[in-house]
N, C-alpha and C. Protein backbone atom coordinates (compact mmCIF):
# COMPACT_ATOMS: atom_id res chain seq x y z
N MET A 1 -153.50 -21.79 -88.88
CA MET A 1 -152.31 -21.00 -89.11
C MET A 1 -151.29 -21.86 -89.82
N LYS A 2 -150.33 -21.22 -90.44
CA LYS A 2 -149.33 -21.94 -91.23
C LYS A 2 -148.09 -22.19 -90.38
N LEU A 3 -147.53 -23.40 -90.47
CA LEU A 3 -146.27 -23.75 -89.81
C LEU A 3 -145.25 -24.07 -90.89
N LYS A 4 -144.09 -23.45 -90.78
CA LYS A 4 -143.00 -23.74 -91.71
C LYS A 4 -141.73 -23.96 -90.89
N ILE A 5 -141.15 -25.16 -91.00
CA ILE A 5 -139.91 -25.50 -90.30
C ILE A 5 -138.84 -25.72 -91.37
N VAL A 6 -137.81 -24.89 -91.30
CA VAL A 6 -136.79 -24.86 -92.35
C VAL A 6 -135.40 -25.11 -91.77
N THR A 7 -134.63 -25.98 -92.44
CA THR A 7 -133.22 -26.18 -92.11
C THR A 7 -132.41 -25.80 -93.34
N PRO A 8 -131.09 -25.72 -93.23
CA PRO A 8 -130.30 -25.39 -94.43
C PRO A 8 -130.49 -26.39 -95.57
N GLU A 9 -130.83 -27.64 -95.23
CA GLU A 9 -130.97 -28.68 -96.26
C GLU A 9 -132.35 -28.75 -96.90
N ARG A 10 -133.41 -28.40 -96.12
CA ARG A 10 -134.74 -28.67 -96.65
C ARG A 10 -135.83 -27.96 -95.84
N ILE A 11 -137.03 -28.02 -96.37
CA ILE A 11 -138.22 -27.61 -95.62
C ILE A 11 -138.74 -28.90 -94.98
N VAL A 12 -138.71 -28.96 -93.65
CA VAL A 12 -139.10 -30.19 -92.93
C VAL A 12 -140.62 -30.29 -92.84
N VAL A 13 -141.28 -29.16 -92.53
CA VAL A 13 -142.74 -29.12 -92.43
C VAL A 13 -143.20 -27.81 -93.06
N GLU A 14 -144.25 -27.90 -93.86
CA GLU A 14 -144.94 -26.71 -94.36
C GLU A 14 -146.40 -27.11 -94.45
N ASP A 15 -147.20 -26.66 -93.46
CA ASP A 15 -148.55 -27.18 -93.34
C ASP A 15 -149.44 -26.22 -92.57
N GLU A 16 -150.75 -26.40 -92.71
CA GLU A 16 -151.73 -25.68 -91.89
C GLU A 16 -151.89 -26.46 -90.60
N VAL A 17 -151.75 -25.79 -89.46
CA VAL A 17 -151.83 -26.46 -88.16
C VAL A 17 -152.74 -25.68 -87.21
N GLU A 18 -153.16 -26.35 -86.14
CA GLU A 18 -154.01 -25.70 -85.15
C GLU A 18 -153.22 -25.11 -84.00
N ALA A 19 -152.05 -25.69 -83.69
CA ALA A 19 -151.25 -25.23 -82.56
C ALA A 19 -149.81 -25.70 -82.72
N VAL A 20 -148.90 -24.99 -82.07
CA VAL A 20 -147.48 -25.34 -82.06
C VAL A 20 -147.01 -25.25 -80.61
N SER A 21 -146.22 -26.23 -80.17
CA SER A 21 -145.68 -26.24 -78.83
C SER A 21 -144.18 -26.55 -78.92
N CYS A 22 -143.35 -25.71 -78.28
CA CYS A 22 -141.91 -25.97 -78.33
C CYS A 22 -141.21 -25.40 -77.11
N MET A 23 -139.93 -25.74 -77.00
CA MET A 23 -139.12 -25.33 -75.87
C MET A 23 -138.21 -24.19 -76.32
N THR A 24 -138.41 -23.02 -75.73
CA THR A 24 -137.51 -21.90 -76.00
C THR A 24 -136.37 -21.96 -74.98
N THR A 25 -135.42 -21.08 -75.13
CA THR A 25 -134.33 -21.03 -74.16
C THR A 25 -134.83 -20.55 -72.79
N ASP A 26 -136.03 -19.95 -72.76
CA ASP A 26 -136.62 -19.48 -71.50
C ASP A 26 -137.69 -20.41 -70.94
N GLY A 27 -138.03 -21.48 -71.66
CA GLY A 27 -139.06 -22.40 -71.20
C GLY A 27 -140.03 -22.78 -72.30
N SER A 28 -141.04 -23.54 -71.94
CA SER A 28 -142.01 -24.06 -72.90
C SER A 28 -142.96 -22.96 -73.38
N ILE A 29 -143.35 -23.03 -74.65
CA ILE A 29 -144.28 -22.05 -75.22
C ILE A 29 -145.29 -22.76 -76.11
N GLY A 30 -146.51 -22.29 -76.06
CA GLY A 30 -147.56 -22.79 -76.94
C GLY A 30 -148.04 -21.64 -77.81
N ILE A 31 -148.25 -21.91 -79.07
CA ILE A 31 -148.70 -20.87 -79.99
C ILE A 31 -149.98 -21.32 -80.68
N LEU A 32 -151.00 -20.49 -80.55
CA LEU A 32 -152.29 -20.71 -81.21
C LEU A 32 -152.48 -19.60 -82.25
N PRO A 33 -153.44 -19.74 -83.17
CA PRO A 33 -153.69 -18.67 -84.14
C PRO A 33 -153.90 -17.34 -83.43
N HIS A 34 -153.46 -16.28 -84.04
CA HIS A 34 -153.58 -14.90 -83.56
C HIS A 34 -152.67 -14.60 -82.37
N HIS A 35 -151.62 -15.41 -82.20
CA HIS A 35 -150.63 -15.16 -81.14
C HIS A 35 -149.99 -13.79 -81.39
N VAL A 36 -149.60 -13.12 -80.33
CA VAL A 36 -148.91 -11.83 -80.51
C VAL A 36 -147.60 -12.06 -81.26
N PRO A 37 -147.17 -11.09 -82.07
CA PRO A 37 -145.90 -11.26 -82.79
C PRO A 37 -144.76 -11.56 -81.81
N LEU A 38 -143.91 -12.49 -82.20
CA LEU A 38 -142.85 -12.97 -81.30
C LEU A 38 -141.68 -13.50 -82.11
N VAL A 39 -140.48 -13.24 -81.63
CA VAL A 39 -139.26 -13.88 -82.13
C VAL A 39 -138.52 -14.37 -80.90
N THR A 40 -138.17 -15.67 -80.87
CA THR A 40 -137.50 -16.22 -79.69
C THR A 40 -136.53 -17.34 -80.09
N PRO A 41 -135.40 -17.45 -79.38
CA PRO A 41 -134.49 -18.57 -79.64
C PRO A 41 -135.06 -19.87 -79.08
N LEU A 42 -134.81 -20.96 -79.79
CA LEU A 42 -135.29 -22.27 -79.37
C LEU A 42 -134.17 -23.08 -78.73
N ALA A 43 -134.54 -23.90 -77.75
CA ALA A 43 -133.60 -24.83 -77.14
C ALA A 43 -133.59 -26.12 -77.98
N ILE A 44 -132.58 -26.95 -77.77
CA ILE A 44 -132.57 -28.28 -78.36
C ILE A 44 -133.64 -29.07 -77.62
N GLY A 45 -134.60 -29.62 -78.35
CA GLY A 45 -135.66 -30.36 -77.66
C GLY A 45 -136.69 -30.93 -78.62
N VAL A 46 -137.68 -31.59 -78.04
CA VAL A 46 -138.79 -32.14 -78.81
C VAL A 46 -139.89 -31.08 -78.83
N MET A 47 -140.36 -30.74 -80.02
CA MET A 47 -141.49 -29.83 -80.17
C MET A 47 -142.62 -30.62 -80.79
N SER A 48 -143.79 -30.01 -80.85
CA SER A 48 -144.90 -30.69 -81.51
C SER A 48 -145.83 -29.66 -82.12
N TYR A 49 -146.65 -30.16 -83.03
CA TYR A 49 -147.71 -29.32 -83.59
C TYR A 49 -148.96 -30.17 -83.71
N VAL A 50 -150.11 -29.50 -83.75
CA VAL A 50 -151.39 -30.20 -83.83
C VAL A 50 -151.98 -29.95 -85.21
N LYS A 51 -152.28 -31.05 -85.91
CA LYS A 51 -152.93 -30.98 -87.22
C LYS A 51 -154.11 -31.93 -87.20
N ASN A 52 -155.29 -31.43 -87.55
CA ASN A 52 -156.52 -32.23 -87.53
C ASN A 52 -156.70 -32.94 -86.18
N GLY A 53 -156.37 -32.24 -85.10
CA GLY A 53 -156.55 -32.80 -83.77
C GLY A 53 -155.49 -33.79 -83.33
N GLN A 54 -154.52 -34.08 -84.20
CA GLN A 54 -153.47 -35.05 -83.87
C GLN A 54 -152.17 -34.33 -83.54
N LYS A 55 -151.55 -34.73 -82.42
CA LYS A 55 -150.29 -34.13 -81.99
C LYS A 55 -149.13 -34.84 -82.70
N LEU A 56 -148.32 -34.07 -83.41
CA LEU A 56 -147.20 -34.63 -84.18
C LEU A 56 -145.89 -34.07 -83.64
N PRO A 57 -145.03 -34.94 -83.05
CA PRO A 57 -143.78 -34.46 -82.47
C PRO A 57 -142.62 -34.49 -83.46
N LEU A 58 -141.62 -33.63 -83.22
CA LEU A 58 -140.38 -33.70 -83.96
C LEU A 58 -139.25 -33.14 -83.11
N ALA A 59 -138.02 -33.54 -83.44
CA ALA A 59 -136.84 -33.07 -82.74
C ALA A 59 -136.32 -31.82 -83.45
N VAL A 60 -136.05 -30.77 -82.68
CA VAL A 60 -135.49 -29.55 -83.24
C VAL A 60 -134.20 -29.25 -82.48
N MET A 61 -133.12 -29.04 -83.24
CA MET A 61 -131.81 -28.83 -82.64
C MET A 61 -131.52 -27.34 -82.47
N GLY A 62 -132.38 -26.68 -81.68
CA GLY A 62 -132.21 -25.25 -81.46
C GLY A 62 -132.69 -24.45 -82.64
N GLY A 63 -132.40 -23.17 -82.65
CA GLY A 63 -132.78 -22.32 -83.77
C GLY A 63 -133.57 -21.11 -83.31
N LEU A 64 -134.44 -20.65 -84.19
CA LEU A 64 -135.20 -19.43 -83.95
C LEU A 64 -136.65 -19.64 -84.37
N LEU A 65 -137.58 -19.18 -83.54
CA LEU A 65 -139.00 -19.23 -83.86
C LEU A 65 -139.49 -17.79 -84.06
N LYS A 66 -140.29 -17.61 -85.11
CA LYS A 66 -140.87 -16.30 -85.38
C LYS A 66 -142.33 -16.51 -85.73
N THR A 67 -143.21 -15.67 -85.16
CA THR A 67 -144.62 -15.75 -85.53
C THR A 67 -145.22 -14.35 -85.61
N ASP A 68 -146.20 -14.21 -86.49
CA ASP A 68 -146.97 -12.96 -86.58
C ASP A 68 -148.43 -13.23 -86.24
N GLY A 69 -148.73 -14.48 -85.76
CA GLY A 69 -150.09 -14.86 -85.43
C GLY A 69 -150.80 -15.60 -86.54
N LYS A 70 -150.29 -15.47 -87.78
CA LYS A 70 -150.87 -16.19 -88.92
C LYS A 70 -149.94 -17.30 -89.40
N THR A 71 -148.62 -17.07 -89.21
CA THR A 71 -147.60 -18.02 -89.65
C THR A 71 -146.59 -18.20 -88.52
N VAL A 72 -146.18 -19.45 -88.30
CA VAL A 72 -145.08 -19.74 -87.38
C VAL A 72 -143.94 -20.28 -88.23
N THR A 73 -142.80 -19.60 -88.18
CA THR A 73 -141.63 -20.03 -88.93
C THR A 73 -140.55 -20.43 -87.94
N ILE A 74 -139.99 -21.62 -88.14
CA ILE A 74 -138.88 -22.09 -87.31
C ILE A 74 -137.69 -22.33 -88.22
N LEU A 75 -136.59 -21.66 -87.89
CA LEU A 75 -135.33 -21.84 -88.60
C LEU A 75 -134.40 -22.58 -87.66
N SER A 76 -133.88 -23.72 -88.10
CA SER A 76 -133.03 -24.55 -87.24
C SER A 76 -131.92 -25.20 -88.06
N ASP A 77 -130.80 -25.49 -87.38
CA ASP A 77 -129.72 -26.20 -88.07
C ASP A 77 -130.17 -27.60 -88.47
N ALA A 78 -131.03 -28.21 -87.65
CA ALA A 78 -131.52 -29.56 -87.94
C ALA A 78 -132.86 -29.78 -87.25
N ALA A 79 -133.74 -30.49 -87.94
CA ALA A 79 -135.04 -30.88 -87.40
C ALA A 79 -135.41 -32.21 -88.03
N GLU A 80 -135.93 -33.12 -87.22
CA GLU A 80 -136.24 -34.47 -87.71
C GLU A 80 -137.58 -34.94 -87.16
N LEU A 81 -138.37 -35.53 -88.05
CA LEU A 81 -139.60 -36.19 -87.63
C LEU A 81 -139.23 -37.53 -87.01
N SER A 82 -140.10 -38.07 -86.15
CA SER A 82 -139.75 -39.30 -85.44
C SER A 82 -139.43 -40.46 -86.38
N ASN A 83 -140.12 -40.53 -87.52
CA ASN A 83 -139.87 -41.65 -88.44
C ASN A 83 -138.57 -41.49 -89.23
N GLU A 84 -137.90 -40.35 -89.08
CA GLU A 84 -136.63 -40.13 -89.77
C GLU A 84 -135.42 -40.43 -88.89
N ILE A 85 -135.66 -40.71 -87.61
CA ILE A 85 -134.56 -40.90 -86.67
C ILE A 85 -134.05 -42.32 -86.75
N ASP A 86 -132.73 -42.43 -86.93
CA ASP A 86 -132.06 -43.72 -86.93
C ASP A 86 -131.68 -44.02 -85.47
N LEU A 87 -132.44 -44.91 -84.85
CA LEU A 87 -132.29 -45.18 -83.42
C LEU A 87 -130.90 -45.68 -83.08
N VAL A 88 -130.36 -46.59 -83.88
CA VAL A 88 -129.02 -47.14 -83.61
C VAL A 88 -127.98 -46.03 -83.70
N ARG A 89 -128.10 -45.19 -84.74
CA ARG A 89 -127.14 -44.09 -84.91
C ARG A 89 -127.23 -43.11 -83.73
N ALA A 90 -128.44 -42.82 -83.27
CA ALA A 90 -128.61 -41.90 -82.15
C ALA A 90 -128.02 -42.49 -80.87
N GLN A 91 -128.20 -43.80 -80.65
CA GLN A 91 -127.63 -44.44 -79.46
C GLN A 91 -126.10 -44.43 -79.52
N GLN A 92 -125.53 -44.65 -80.72
CA GLN A 92 -124.07 -44.61 -80.88
C GLN A 92 -123.55 -43.19 -80.63
N ALA A 93 -124.27 -42.19 -81.12
CA ALA A 93 -123.87 -40.79 -80.93
C ALA A 93 -123.90 -40.43 -79.45
N LYS A 94 -124.92 -40.93 -78.74
CA LYS A 94 -125.03 -40.68 -77.30
C LYS A 94 -123.83 -41.29 -76.57
N ALA A 95 -123.50 -42.53 -76.91
CA ALA A 95 -122.37 -43.21 -76.26
C ALA A 95 -121.06 -42.47 -76.56
N ARG A 96 -120.87 -42.03 -77.81
CA ARG A 96 -119.66 -41.28 -78.19
C ARG A 96 -119.56 -39.98 -77.39
N ALA A 97 -120.66 -39.26 -77.30
CA ALA A 97 -120.66 -37.97 -76.60
C ALA A 97 -120.38 -38.17 -75.11
N GLU A 98 -120.97 -39.21 -74.51
CA GLU A 98 -120.73 -39.48 -73.10
C GLU A 98 -119.26 -39.84 -72.86
N ALA A 99 -118.69 -40.64 -73.78
CA ALA A 99 -117.27 -41.01 -73.65
C ALA A 99 -116.39 -39.77 -73.77
N GLU A 100 -116.71 -38.88 -74.71
CA GLU A 100 -115.93 -37.64 -74.88
C GLU A 100 -116.00 -36.78 -73.62
N LEU A 101 -117.16 -36.74 -72.98
CA LEU A 101 -117.30 -35.93 -71.76
C LEU A 101 -116.39 -36.45 -70.65
N HIS A 102 -116.12 -37.75 -70.65
CA HIS A 102 -115.29 -38.34 -69.60
C HIS A 102 -113.80 -38.23 -69.89
N THR A 103 -113.42 -37.97 -71.15
CA THR A 103 -111.99 -37.99 -71.50
C THR A 103 -111.40 -36.62 -71.76
N HIS A 104 -112.22 -35.58 -71.92
CA HIS A 104 -111.69 -34.26 -72.29
C HIS A 104 -111.75 -33.28 -71.14
N ILE A 105 -110.72 -32.47 -71.07
CA ILE A 105 -110.67 -31.40 -70.08
C ILE A 105 -110.97 -30.06 -70.74
N ASP A 106 -110.57 -29.91 -72.00
CA ASP A 106 -110.73 -28.65 -72.74
C ASP A 106 -112.19 -28.20 -72.75
N HIS A 107 -112.45 -26.96 -72.36
CA HIS A 107 -113.82 -26.46 -72.25
C HIS A 107 -114.58 -26.47 -73.57
N ALA A 108 -113.89 -26.14 -74.67
CA ALA A 108 -114.56 -26.14 -75.98
C ALA A 108 -114.98 -27.55 -76.36
N GLU A 109 -114.10 -28.52 -76.09
CA GLU A 109 -114.43 -29.92 -76.40
C GLU A 109 -115.58 -30.41 -75.53
N ILE A 110 -115.59 -30.00 -74.27
CA ILE A 110 -116.68 -30.40 -73.36
C ILE A 110 -118.00 -29.81 -73.86
N ALA A 111 -117.99 -28.53 -74.24
CA ALA A 111 -119.22 -27.89 -74.73
C ALA A 111 -119.71 -28.59 -75.99
N HIS A 112 -118.78 -28.96 -76.88
CA HIS A 112 -119.15 -29.66 -78.12
C HIS A 112 -119.76 -31.03 -77.79
N ALA A 113 -119.14 -31.75 -76.85
CA ALA A 113 -119.66 -33.07 -76.46
C ALA A 113 -121.02 -32.94 -75.79
N GLN A 114 -121.21 -31.89 -74.96
CA GLN A 114 -122.50 -31.69 -74.31
C GLN A 114 -123.59 -31.41 -75.34
N GLN A 115 -123.27 -30.62 -76.38
CA GLN A 115 -124.25 -30.36 -77.45
C GLN A 115 -124.57 -31.65 -78.19
N ALA A 116 -123.55 -32.44 -78.50
CA ALA A 116 -123.78 -33.72 -79.20
C ALA A 116 -124.64 -34.64 -78.36
N LEU A 117 -124.39 -34.67 -77.05
CA LEU A 117 -125.19 -35.50 -76.15
C LEU A 117 -126.64 -35.01 -76.10
N ALA A 118 -126.83 -33.70 -76.03
CA ALA A 118 -128.19 -33.15 -76.01
C ALA A 118 -128.94 -33.51 -77.28
N ARG A 119 -128.28 -33.42 -78.43
CA ARG A 119 -128.94 -33.78 -79.71
C ARG A 119 -129.30 -35.26 -79.73
N ALA A 120 -128.38 -36.11 -79.28
CA ALA A 120 -128.65 -37.56 -79.26
C ALA A 120 -129.81 -37.89 -78.32
N MET A 121 -129.84 -37.24 -77.14
CA MET A 121 -130.90 -37.51 -76.18
C MET A 121 -132.27 -37.09 -76.72
N VAL A 122 -132.32 -35.97 -77.42
CA VAL A 122 -133.59 -35.51 -78.01
C VAL A 122 -134.06 -36.51 -79.06
N ARG A 123 -133.14 -36.98 -79.89
CA ARG A 123 -133.52 -37.97 -80.90
C ARG A 123 -134.04 -39.24 -80.24
N LEU A 124 -133.35 -39.71 -79.20
CA LEU A 124 -133.77 -40.93 -78.50
C LEU A 124 -135.12 -40.73 -77.81
N ASP A 125 -135.31 -39.56 -77.17
CA ASP A 125 -136.60 -39.27 -76.52
C ASP A 125 -137.74 -39.33 -77.53
N LEU A 126 -137.54 -38.68 -78.67
CA LEU A 126 -138.58 -38.63 -79.68
C LEU A 126 -138.83 -40.01 -80.26
N ALA A 127 -137.76 -40.73 -80.59
CA ALA A 127 -137.91 -42.07 -81.18
C ALA A 127 -138.60 -43.02 -80.21
N SER A 128 -138.24 -42.97 -78.93
CA SER A 128 -138.86 -43.89 -77.97
C SER A 128 -140.32 -43.52 -77.71
N SER A 129 -140.63 -42.22 -77.68
CA SER A 129 -142.03 -41.84 -77.47
C SER A 129 -142.87 -42.21 -78.68
N ALA A 130 -142.30 -42.11 -79.87
CA ALA A 130 -143.04 -42.49 -81.09
C ALA A 130 -143.27 -44.00 -81.10
N THR A 131 -142.26 -44.77 -80.66
CA THR A 131 -142.39 -46.23 -80.63
C THR A 131 -143.45 -46.65 -79.62
N SER A 132 -143.42 -46.06 -78.42
CA SER A 132 -144.40 -46.45 -77.40
C SER A 132 -145.79 -45.95 -77.80
N HIS A 133 -145.86 -44.79 -78.46
CA HIS A 133 -147.15 -44.25 -78.92
C HIS A 133 -147.74 -45.17 -79.99
N ALA A 134 -146.89 -45.65 -80.91
CA ALA A 134 -147.36 -46.54 -81.99
C ALA A 134 -147.86 -47.87 -81.42
N ALA A 135 -147.24 -48.31 -80.32
CA ALA A 135 -147.64 -49.58 -79.72
C ALA A 135 -149.04 -49.52 -79.13
N HIS A 136 -149.50 -48.31 -78.81
CA HIS A 136 -150.84 -48.15 -78.24
C HIS A 136 -151.93 -48.10 -79.29
N HIS A 137 -151.56 -48.09 -80.57
CA HIS A 137 -152.58 -47.99 -81.63
C HIS A 137 -152.78 -49.29 -82.35
C-alpha cells in the first residue's frame, strides 16, 4: 500500500509500505493493506511504518490520517525522520517549555508550553530510540 506523509513545507514520506502504526487521539492504530476506510485525528507522537520488513519510525506532531485501504495519507503540521532531529535543539526546547510551565499562570500560555513540551519529548524519544537502535547494529 502507499504511504504519503505531507506537511505544509514538504512531502516527508511517499513510498510503498507493508504496514503503518501510529497514535490517534483515541489510542494506537495499525493499518495493513485493505484496511476499512478511515479518517482519524492523530496525537503528537512517534509513528512507524514497515518497508521491506524494516520498521522505520518518525515523529508526527498531530494531524489527520486518512486511508481507503490502498493509500494511507497523513497530513500534519510537522513530521520528522529520526535522522532529521537536532538533539541539542530538542533538549533546549524541552527545557524552555518546562521553564514556561513553571512561570506562567495564563491558561493559553500553559497550553502552548504543554504542546511545545510534548513536541520536544517526541523528538527526544525518537532520537534516543534511533541512537540506541543504531548501537545494536
